[in-house]
Amino acid sequence: MKQAQQMQQRMEEEMSQMAIEGQSGGGMVTVTLDGKKNLTAISLKPEAVDPEDVEMLEDLIVAAFNEASRKVDEKLNSQIGSMGGDLLGGLGGL
């Protein structure tokens, strides 16, 4: 149990230090999320900002966020999978 708690603490620390990017519009919009899916940064290229088409910019931001969110899920799932193997190995391969 102690090993599992240590792994959980390590995982939470790693999650808060992650910086996962998602892009849309061919890189016109980039968002960065941490491992807890908190938005930590957003970058907009000038050509993405069209006062006549705010809805397009909103859609690009949503798409970039969704891509970054998917990448966070993939990264966490792969880490959880490897931690499970580590935990089972530490428990004598149950």
PDB file of N, CA and C in Angstrom:
ATOM      1  N   MET A   1       0.814  -1.190   0.000  1.00  0.00           N
ATOM      2  CA  MET A   1       0.000   0.000   0.000  1.00  0.00           C
ATOM      3  C   MET A   1       0.861   1.260   0.000  1.00  0.00           C
ATOM      4  N   LYS A   2       1.932   1.221   0.772  1.00  0.00           N
ATOM      5  CA  LYS A   2       2.811   2.383   0.843  1.00  0.00           C
ATOM      6  C   LYS A   2       3.389   2.696  -0.531  1.00  0.00           C
ATOM      7  N   GLN A   3       3.753   1.646  -1.265  1.00  0.00           N
ATOM      8  CA  GLN A   3       4.308   1.838  -2.606  1.00  0.00           C
ATOM      9  C   GLN A   3       3.257   2.457  -3.533  1.00  0.00           C
ATOM     10  N   ALA A   4       2.024   2.028  -3.414  1.00  0.00           N
ATOM     11  CA  ALA A   4       0.949   2.577  -4.237  1.00  0.00           C
ATOM     12  C   ALA A   4       0.728   4.052  -3.918  1.00  0.00           C
ATOM     13  N   GLN A   5       0.779   4.419  -2.655  1.00  0.00           N
ATOM     14  CA  GLN A   5       0.614   5.824  -2.265  1.00  0.00           C
ATOM     15  C   GLN A   5       1.757   6.679  -2.803  1.00  0.00           C
ATOM     16  N   GLN A   6       2.969   6.154  -2.746  1.00  0.00           N
ATOM     17  CA  GLN A   6       4.117   6.883  -3.270  1.00  0.00           C
ATOM     18  C   GLN A   6       3.980   7.088  -4.774  1.00  0.00           C
ATOM     19  N   MET A   7       3.520   6.058  -5.464  1.00  0.00           N
ATOM     20  CA  MET A   7       3.323   6.162  -6.906  1.00  0.00           C
ATOM     21  C   MET A   7       2.244   7.185  -7.235  1.00  0.00           C
ATOM     22  N   GLN A   8       1.198   7.225  -6.439  1.00  0.00           N
ATOM     23  CA  GLN A   8       0.124   8.193  -6.662  1.00  0.00           C
ATOM     24  C   GLN A   8       0.649   9.615  -6.460  1.00  0.00           C
ATOM     25  N   GLN A   9       1.429   9.832  -5.432  1.00  0.00           N
ATOM     26  CA  GLN A   9       2.002  11.154  -5.182  1.00  0.00           C
ATOM     27  C   GLN A   9       2.915  11.568  -6.340  1.00  0.00           C
ATOM     28  N   ARG A  10       3.737  10.632  -6.799  1.00  0.00           N
ATOM     29  CA  ARG A  10       4.647  10.919  -7.904  1.00  0.00           C
ATOM     30  C   ARG A  10       3.855  11.255  -9.163  1.00  0.00           C
ATOM     31  N   MET A  11       2.780  10.511  -9.396  1.00  0.00           N
ATOM     32  CA  MET A  11       1.947  10.747 -10.574  1.00  0.00           C
ATOM     33  C   MET A  11       1.313  12.138 -10.516  1.00  0.00           C
ATOM     34  N   GLU A  12       0.816  12.544  -9.353  1.00  0.00           N
ATOM     35  CA  GLU A  12       0.199  13.866  -9.215  1.00  0.00           C
ATOM     36  C   GLU A  12       1.219  14.979  -9.440  1.00  0.00           C
ATOM     37  N   GLU A  13       2.434  14.792  -8.958  1.00  0.00           N
ATOM     38  CA  GLU A  13       3.486  15.782  -9.183  1.00  0.00           C
ATOM     39  C   GLU A  13       3.806  15.886 -10.666  1.00  0.00           C
ATOM     40  N   GLU A  14       3.918  14.750 -11.322  1.00  0.00           N
ATOM     41  CA  GLU A  14       4.209  14.738 -12.751  1.00  0.00           C
ATOM     42  C   GLU A  14       3.080  15.394 -13.546  1.00  0.00           C
ATOM     43  N   MET A  15       1.839  15.151 -13.148  1.00  0.00           N
ATOM     44  CA  MET A  15       0.693  15.723 -13.850  1.00  0.00           C
ATOM     45  C   MET A  15       0.727  17.246 -13.807  1.00  0.00           C
ATOM     46  N   SER A  16       1.071  17.806 -12.660  1.00  0.00           N
ATOM     47  CA  SER A  16       1.076  19.262 -12.540  1.00  0.00           C
ATOM     48  C   SER A  16       2.248  19.884 -13.298  1.00  0.00           C
ATOM     49  N   GLN A  17       3.270  19.097 -13.602  1.00  0.00           N
ATOM     50  CA  GLN A  17       4.438  19.617 -14.314  1.00  0.00           C
ATOM     51  C   GLN A  17       4.362  19.385 -15.822  1.00  0.00           C
ATOM     52  N   MET A  18       3.379  18.617 -16.277  1.00  0.00           N
ATOM     53  CA  MET A  18       3.243  18.346 -17.710  1.00  0.00           C
ATOM     54  C   MET A  18       2.898  19.621 -18.464  1.00  0.00           C
ATOM     55  N   ALA A  19       3.297  19.663 -19.710  1.00  0.00           N
ATOM     56  CA  ALA A  19       2.915  20.750 -20.613  1.00  0.00           C
ATOM     57  C   ALA A  19       2.576  20.099 -21.956  1.00  0.00           C
ATOM     58  N   ILE A  20       1.298  19.859 -22.177  1.00  0.00           N
ATOM     59  CA  ILE A  20       0.833  19.180 -23.381  1.00  0.00           C
ATOM     60  C   ILE A  20       0.162  20.203 -24.286  1.00  0.00           C
ATOM     61  N   GLU A  21       0.610  20.260 -25.548  1.00  0.00           N
ATOM     62  CA  GLU A  21       0.061  21.222 -26.490  1.00  0.00           C
ATOM     63  C   GLU A  21      -0.943  20.588 -27.434  1.00  0.00           C
ATOM     64  N   GLY A  22      -1.901  21.395 -27.824  1.00  0.00           N
ATOM     65  CA  GLY A  22      -2.841  21.042 -28.876  1.00  0.00           C
ATOM     66  C   GLY A  22      -2.916  22.211 -29.838  1.00  0.00           C
ATOM     67  N   GLN A  23      -3.033  21.904 -31.127  1.00  0.00           N
ATOM     68  CA  GLN A  23      -3.080  22.955 -32.137  1.00  0.00           C
ATOM     69  C   GLN A  23      -4.277  22.766 -33.047  1.00  0.00           C
ATOM     70  N   SER A  24      -4.656  23.867 -33.684  1.00  0.00           N
ATOM     71  CA  SER A  24      -5.689  23.799 -34.710  1.00  0.00           C
ATOM     72  C   SER A  24      -5.419  24.892 -35.732  1.00  0.00           C
ATOM     73  N   GLY A  25      -6.118  24.789 -36.843  1.00  0.00           N
ATOM     74  CA  GLY A  25      -5.941  25.790 -37.887  1.00  0.00           C
ATOM     75  C   GLY A  25      -4.535  25.811 -38.446  1.00  0.00           C
ATOM     76  N   GLY A  26      -3.914  24.646 -38.545  1.00  0.00           N
ATOM     77  CA  GLY A  26      -2.556  24.598 -39.071  1.00  0.00           C
ATOM     78  C   GLY A  26      -1.557  25.325 -38.195  1.00  0.00           C
ATOM     79  N   GLY A  27      -1.799  25.336 -36.894  1.00  0.00           N
ATOM     80  CA  GLY A  27      -0.895  25.975 -35.955  1.00  0.00           C
ATOM     81  C   GLY A  27      -1.251  27.423 -35.648  1.00  0.00           C
ATOM     82  N   MET A  28      -2.387  27.887 -36.172  1.00  0.00           N
ATOM     83  CA  MET A  28      -2.792  29.269 -35.876  1.00  0.00           C
ATOM     84  C   MET A  28      -3.166  29.442 -34.410  1.00  0.00           C
ATOM     85  N   VAL A  29      -3.678  28.372 -33.802  1.00  0.00           N
ATOM     86  CA  VAL A  29      -4.051  28.410 -32.382  1.00  0.00           C
ATOM     87  C   VAL A  29      -3.342  27.261 -31.682  1.00  0.00           C
ATOM     88  N   THR A  30      -2.668  27.573 -30.592  1.00  0.00           N
ATOM     89  CA  THR A  30      -2.003  26.561 -29.774  1.00  0.00           C
ATOM     90  C   THR A  30      -2.420  26.780 -28.327  1.00  0.00           C
ATOM     91  N   VAL A  31      -2.836  25.703 -27.676  1.00  0.00           N
ATOM     92  CA  VAL A  31      -3.134  25.765 -26.247  1.00  0.00           C
ATOM     93  C   VAL A  31      -2.230  24.768 -25.531  1.00  0.00           C
ATOM     94  N   THR A  32      -1.934  25.069 -24.281  1.00  0.00           N
ATOM     95  CA  THR A  32      -1.116  24.189 -23.454  1.00  0.00           C
ATOM     96  C   THR A  32      -1.900  23.851 -22.200  1.00  0.00           C
ATOM     97  N   LEU A  33      -1.955  22.548 -21.904  1.00  0.00           N
ATOM     98  CA  LEU A  33      -2.626  22.060 -20.701  1.00  0.00           C
ATOM     99  C   LEU A  33      -1.608  21.361 -19.819  1.00  0.00           C
ATOM    100  N   ASP A  34      -1.861  21.374 -18.508  1.00  0.00           N
ATOM    101  CA  ASP A  34      -1.075  20.523 -17.626  1.00  0.00           C
ATOM    102  C   ASP A  34      -1.755  19.157 -17.571  1.00  0.00           C
ATOM    103  N   GLY A  35      -1.215  18.251 -16.804  1.00  0.00           N
ATOM    104  CA  GLY A  35      -1.749  16.895 -16.737  1.00  0.00           C
ATOM    105  C   GLY A  35      -3.097  16.789 -16.053  1.00  0.00           C
ATOM    106  N   LYS A  36      -3.543  17.873 -15.444  1.00  0.00           N
ATOM    107  CA  LYS A  36      -4.863  17.887 -14.821  1.00  0.00           C
ATOM    108  C   LYS A  36      -5.868  18.619 -15.698  1.00  0.00           C
ATOM    109  N   LYS A  37      -5.460  18.894 -16.934  1.00  0.00           N
ATOM    110  CA  LYS A  37      -6.269  19.564 -17.955  1.00  0.00           C
ATOM    111  C   LYS A  37      -6.591  21.012 -17.616  1.00  0.00           C
ATOM    112  N   ASN A  38      -5.709  21.640 -16.838  1.00  0.00           N
ATOM    113  CA  ASN A  38      -5.832  23.075 -16.603  1.00  0.00           C
ATOM    114  C   ASN A  38      -5.151  23.794 -17.760  1.00  0.00           C
ATOM    115  N   LEU A  39      -5.821  24.781 -18.324  1.00  0.00           N
ATOM    116  CA  LEU A  39      -5.258  25.578 -19.402  1.00  0.00           C
ATOM    117  C   LEU A  39      -4.169  26.467 -18.819  1.00  0.00           C
ATOM    118  N   THR A  40      -2.938  26.296 -19.308  1.00  0.00           N
ATOM    119  CA  THR A  40      -1.820  27.067 -18.764  1.00  0.00           C
ATOM    120  C   THR A  40      -1.315  28.124 -19.735  1.00  0.00           C
ATOM    121  N   ALA A  41      -1.617  27.964 -21.039  1.00  0.00           N
ATOM    122  CA  ALA A  41      -1.163  28.959 -22.016  1.00  0.00           C
ATOM    123  C   ALA A  41      -1.999  28.847 -23.278  1.00  0.00           C
ATOM    124  N   ILE A  42      -2.079  29.959 -23.976  1.00  0.00           N
ATOM    125  CA  ILE A  42      -2.741  29.990 -25.277  1.00  0.00           C
ATOM    126  C   ILE A  42      -1.945  30.930 -26.171  1.00  0.00           C
ATOM    127  N   SER A  43      -1.775  30.527 -27.419  1.00  0.00           N
ATOM    128  CA  SER A  43      -1.040  31.333 -28.380  1.00  0.00           C
ATOM    129  C   SER A  43      -1.876  31.451 -29.650  1.00  0.00           C
ATOM    130  N   LEU A  44      -2.058  32.676 -30.111  1.00  0.00           N
ATOM    131  CA  LEU A  44      -2.836  32.937 -31.321  1.00  0.00           C
ATOM    132  C   LEU A  44      -1.947  33.653 -32.328  1.00  0.00           C
ATOM    133  N   LYS A  45      -1.911  33.137 -33.550  1.00  0.00           N
ATOM    134  CA  LYS A  45      -1.206  33.848 -34.614  1.00  0.00           C
ATOM    135  C   LYS A  45      -2.120  34.979 -35.091  1.00  0.00           C
ATOM    136  N   PRO A  46      -1.548  36.090 -35.492  1.00  0.00           N
ATOM    137  CA  PRO A  46      -2.364  37.240 -35.899  1.00  0.00           C
ATOM    138  C   PRO A  46      -3.416  36.905 -36.958  1.00  0.00           C
ATOM    139  N   GLU A  47      -3.091  36.023 -37.880  1.00  0.00           N
ATOM    140  CA  GLU A  47      -4.055  35.690 -38.931  1.00  0.00           C
ATOM    141  C   GLU A  47      -5.272  34.918 -38.413  1.00  0.00           C
ATOM    142  N   ALA A  48      -5.198  34.417 -37.190  1.00  0.00           N
ATOM    143  CA  ALA A  48      -6.337  33.719 -36.598  1.00  0.00           C
ATOM    144  C   ALA A  48      -7.372  34.695 -36.046  1.00  0.00           C
ATOM    145  N   VAL A  49      -6.958  35.939 -35.877  1.00  0.00           N
ATOM    146  CA  VAL A  49      -7.832  36.937 -35.267  1.00  0.00           C
ATOM    147  C   VAL A  49      -8.464  37.793 -36.372  1.00  0.00           C
ATOM    148  N   ASP A  50      -9.701  37.462 -36.689  1.00  0.00           N
ATOM    149  CA  ASP A  50     -10.466  38.209 -37.693  1.00  0.00           C
ATOM    150  C   ASP A  50     -11.707  38.768 -37.007  1.00  0.00           C
ATOM    151  N   PRO A  51     -11.748  40.087 -36.796  1.00  0.00           N
ATOM    152  CA  PRO A  51     -12.901  40.673 -36.105  1.00  0.00           C
ATOM    153  C   PRO A  51     -14.230  40.382 -36.793  1.00  0.00           C
ATOM    154  N   GLU A  52     -14.173  40.062 -38.069  1.00  0.00           N
ATOM    155  CA  GLU A  52     -15.396  39.751 -38.821  1.00  0.00           C
ATOM    156  C   GLU A  52     -15.844  38.308 -38.620  1.00  0.00           C
ATOM    157  N   ASP A  53     -14.964  37.474 -38.040  1.00  0.00           N
ATOM    158  CA  ASP A  53     -15.289  36.052 -37.892  1.00  0.00           C
ATOM    159  C   ASP A  53     -14.809  35.523 -36.535  1.00  0.00           C
ATOM    160  N   VAL A  54     -15.352  36.059 -35.475  1.00  0.00           N
ATOM    161  CA  VAL A  54     -14.989  35.648 -34.118  1.00  0.00           C
ATOM    162  C   VAL A  54     -15.350  34.183 -33.890  1.00  0.00           C
ATOM    163  N   GLU A  55     -16.433  33.728 -34.502  1.00  0.00           N
ATOM    164  CA  GLU A  55     -16.872  32.344 -34.333  1.00  0.00           C
ATOM    165  C   GLU A  55     -15.802  31.353 -34.802  1.00  0.00           C
ATOM    166  N   MET A  56     -15.080  31.676 -35.878  1.00  0.00           N
ATOM    167  CA  MET A  56     -14.024  30.784 -36.356  1.00  0.00           C
ATOM    168  C   MET A  56     -12.928  30.666 -35.294  1.00  0.00           C
ATOM    169  N   LEU A  57     -12.538  31.777 -34.696  1.00  0.00           N
ATOM    170  CA  LEU A  57     -11.512  31.755 -33.656  1.00  0.00           C
ATOM    171  C   LEU A  57     -11.970  30.924 -32.465  1.00  0.00           C
ATOM    172  N   GLU A  58     -13.213  31.082 -32.073  1.00  0.00           N
ATOM    173  CA  GLU A  58     -13.759  30.282 -30.973  1.00  0.00           C
ATOM    174  C   GLU A  58     -13.679  28.791 -31.298  1.00  0.00           C
ATOM    175  N   ASP A  59     -14.042  28.430 -32.522  1.00  0.00           N
ATOM    176  CA  ASP A  59     -13.977  27.026 -32.941  1.00  0.00           C
ATOM    177  C   ASP A  59     -12.543  26.504 -32.930  1.00  0.00           C
ATOM    178  N   LEU A  60     -11.597  27.324 -33.370  1.00  0.00           N
ATOM    179  CA  LEU A  60     -10.187  26.923 -33.374  1.00  0.00           C
ATOM    180  C   LEU A  60      -9.671  26.693 -31.959  1.00  0.00           C
ATOM    181  N   ILE A  61     -10.079  27.546 -31.038  1.00  0.00           N
ATOM    182  CA  ILE A  61      -9.651  27.387 -29.640  1.00  0.00           C
ATOM    183  C   ILE A  61     -10.220  26.093 -29.056  1.00  0.00           C
ATOM    184  N   VAL A  62     -11.490  25.842 -29.304  1.00  0.00           N
ATOM    185  CA  VAL A  62     -12.117  24.618 -28.807  1.00  0.00           C
ATOM    186  C   VAL A  62     -11.419  23.389 -29.402  1.00  0.00           C
ATOM    187  N   ALA A  63     -11.142  23.416 -30.689  1.00  0.00           N
ATOM    188  CA  ALA A  63     -10.484  22.274 -31.342  1.00  0.00           C
ATOM    189  C   ALA A  63      -9.087  22.043 -30.772  1.00  0.00           C
ATOM    190  N   ALA A  64      -8.332  23.114 -30.549  1.00  0.00           N
ATOM    191  CA  ALA A  64      -6.987  22.980 -29.988  1.00  0.00           C
ATOM    192  C   ALA A  64      -7.051  22.434 -28.563  1.00  0.00           C
ATOM    193  N   PHE A  65      -8.009  22.926 -27.782  1.00  0.00           N
ATOM    194  CA  PHE A  65      -8.175  22.434 -26.412  1.00  0.00           C
ATOM    195  C   PHE A  65      -8.522  20.948 -26.414  1.00  0.00           C
ATOM    196  N   ASN A  66      -9.443  20.548 -27.289  1.00  0.00           N
ATOM    197  CA  ASN A  66      -9.839  19.141 -27.351  1.00  0.00           C
ATOM    198  C   ASN A  66      -8.678  18.243 -27.759  1.00  0.00           C
ATOM    199  N   GLU A  67      -7.849  18.709 -28.689  1.00  0.00           N
ATOM    200  CA  GLU A  67      -6.675  17.918 -29.083  1.00  0.00           C
ATOM    201  C   GLU A  67      -5.708  17.766 -27.914  1.00  0.00           C
ATOM    202  N   ALA A  68      -5.441  18.856 -27.209  1.00  0.00           N
ATOM    203  CA  ALA A  68      -4.543  18.790 -26.054  1.00  0.00           C
ATOM    204  C   ALA A  68      -5.116  17.877 -24.972  1.00  0.00           C
ATOM    205  N   SER A  69      -6.415  17.953 -24.754  1.00  0.00           N
ATOM    206  CA  SER A  69      -7.074  17.113 -23.757  1.00  0.00           C
ATOM    207  C   SER A  69      -6.925  15.633 -24.109  1.00  0.00           C
ATOM    208  N   ARG A  70      -7.098  15.307 -25.378  1.00  0.00           N
ATOM    209  CA  ARG A  70      -6.929  13.924 -25.834  1.00  0.00           C
ATOM    210  C   ARG A  70      -5.494  13.459 -25.599  1.00  0.00           C
ATOM    211  N   LYS A  71      -4.530  14.336 -25.881  1.00  0.00           N
ATOM    212  CA  LYS A  71      -3.125  13.987 -25.674  1.00  0.00           C
ATOM    213  C   LYS A  71      -2.814  13.762 -24.193  1.00  0.00           C
ATOM    214  N   VAL A  72      -3.413  14.569 -23.321  1.00  0.00           N
ATOM    215  CA  VAL A  72      -3.232  14.377 -21.872  1.00  0.00           C
ATOM    216  C   VAL A  72      -3.757  12.996 -21.483  1.00  0.00           C
ATOM    217  N   ASP A  73      -4.954  12.647 -21.966  1.00  0.00           N
ATOM    218  CA  ASP A  73      -5.532  11.330 -21.659  1.00  0.00           C
ATOM    219  C   ASP A  73      -4.616  10.207 -22.120  1.00  0.00           C
ATOM    220  N   GLU A  74      -4.087  10.320 -23.329  1.00  0.00           N
ATOM    221  CA  GLU A  74      -3.193   9.285 -23.861  1.00  0.00           C
ATOM    222  C   GLU A  74      -1.943   9.151 -23.001  1.00  0.00           C
ATOM    223  N   LYS A  75      -1.360  10.286 -22.635  1.00  0.00           N
ATOM    224  CA  LYS A  75      -0.139  10.262 -21.815  1.00  0.00           C
ATOM    225  C   LYS A  75      -0.413   9.646 -20.449  1.00  0.00           C
ATOM    226  N   LEU A  76      -1.507  10.043 -19.821  1.00  0.00           N
ATOM    227  CA  LEU A  76      -1.829   9.504 -18.503  1.00  0.00           C
ATOM    228  C   LEU A  76      -2.136   8.017 -18.575  1.00  0.00           C
ATOM    229  N   ASN A  77      -2.864   7.591 -19.611  1.00  0.00           N
ATOM    230  CA  ASN A  77      -3.168   6.163 -19.755  1.00  0.00           C
ATOM    231  C   ASN A  77      -1.899   5.348 -19.929  1.00  0.00           C
ATOM    232  N   SER A  78      -0.941   5.860 -20.683  1.00  0.00           N
ATOM    233  CA  SER A  78       0.301   5.114 -20.863  1.00  0.00           C
ATOM    234  C   SER A  78       1.103   5.074 -19.561  1.00  0.00           C
ATOM    235  N   GLN A  79       1.083   6.184 -18.802  1.00  0.00           N
ATOM    236  CA  GLN A  79       1.801   6.195 -17.531  1.00  0.00           C
ATOM    237  C   GLN A  79       1.134   5.275 -16.513  1.00  0.00           C
ATOM    238  N   ILE A  80      -0.177   5.277 -16.470  1.00  0.00           N
ATOM    239  CA  ILE A  80      -0.898   4.410 -15.539  1.00  0.00           C
ATOM    240  C   ILE A  80      -0.621   2.952 -15.871  1.00  0.00           C
ATOM    241  N   GLY A  81      -0.590   2.638 -17.156  1.00  0.00           N
ATOM    242  CA  GLY A  81      -0.289   1.266 -17.566  1.00  0.00           C
ATOM    243  C   GLY A  81       1.085   0.824 -17.114  1.00  0.00           C
ATOM    244  N   SER A  82       2.069   1.707 -17.259  1.00  0.00           N
ATOM    245  CA  SER A  82       3.422   1.328 -16.844  1.00  0.00           C
ATOM    246  C   SER A  82       3.532   1.286 -15.325  1.00  0.00           C
ATOM    247  N   MET A  83       2.788   2.138 -14.632  1.00  0.00           N
ATOM    248  CA  MET A  83       2.822   2.111 -13.164  1.00  0.00           C
ATOM    249  C   MET A  83       2.182   0.830 -12.637  1.00  0.00           C
ATOM    250  N   GLY A  84       1.150   0.377 -13.306  1.00  0.00           N
ATOM    251  CA  GLY A  84       0.510  -0.870 -12.888  1.00  0.00           C
ATOM    252  C   GLY A  84       1.482  -2.026 -12.965  1.00  0.00           C
ATOM    253  N   GLY A  85       2.276  -2.047 -14.021  1.00  0.00           N
ATOM    254  CA  GLY A  85       3.297  -3.082 -14.145  1.00  0.00           C
ATOM    255  C   GLY A  85       4.339  -2.969 -13.063  1.00  0.00           C
ATOM    256  N   ASP A  86       4.722  -1.722 -12.752  1.00  0.00           N
ATOM    257  CA  ASP A  86       5.700  -1.499 -11.678  1.00  0.00           C
ATOM    258  C   ASP A  86       5.148  -1.970 -10.339  1.00  0.00           C
ATOM    259  N   LEU A  87       3.864  -1.643 -10.084  1.00  0.00           N
ATOM    260  CA  LEU A  87       3.248  -2.016  -8.818  1.00  0.00           C
ATOM    261  C   LEU A  87       3.142  -3.529  -8.691  1.00  0.00           C
ATOM    262  N   LEU A  88       2.709  -4.184  -9.760  1.00  0.00           N
ATOM    263  CA  LEU A  88       2.589  -5.645  -9.709  1.00  0.00           C
ATOM    264  C   LEU A  88       3.948  -6.299  -9.543  1.00  0.00           C
ATOM    265  N   GLY A  89       4.950  -5.736 -10.184  1.00  0.00           N
ATOM    266  CA  GLY A  89       6.308  -6.254 -10.017  1.00  0.00           C
ATOM    267  C   GLY A  89       6.766  -6.115  -8.586  1.00  0.00           C
ATOM    268  N   GLY A  90       6.408  -4.991  -7.954  1.00  0.00           N
ATOM    269  CA  GLY A  90       6.794  -4.752  -6.560  1.00  0.00           C
ATOM    270  C   GLY A  90       6.026  -5.625  -5.598  1.00  0.00           C
ATOM    271  N   LEU A  91       4.899  -6.177  -6.031  1.00  0.00           N
ATOM    272  CA  LEU A  91       4.095  -7.051  -5.184  1.00  0.00           C
ATOM    273  C   LEU A  91       4.371  -8.526  -5.454  1.00  0.00           C
ATOM    274  N   GLY A  92       5.467  -8.774  -6.124  1.00  0.00           N
ATOM    275  CA  GLY A  92       5.817 -10.162  -6.398  1.00  0.00           C
ATOM    276  C   GLY A  92       5.106 -10.707  -7.613  1.00  0.00           C
ATOM    277  N   GLY A  93       4.657  -9.830  -8.522  1.00  0.00           N
ATOM    278  CA  GLY A  93       4.043 -10.284  -9.765  1.00  0.00           C
ATOM    279  C   GLY A  93       2.680 -10.890  -9.595  1.00  0.00           C
ATOM    280  N   LEU A  94       1.907 -10.408  -8.631  1.00  0.00           N
ATOM    281  CA  LEU A  94       0.560 -10.926  -8.415  1.00  0.00           C
ATOM    282  C   LEU A  94      -0.142 -10.895  -9.689  1.00  0.00           C
TER     283      LEU A  94
END
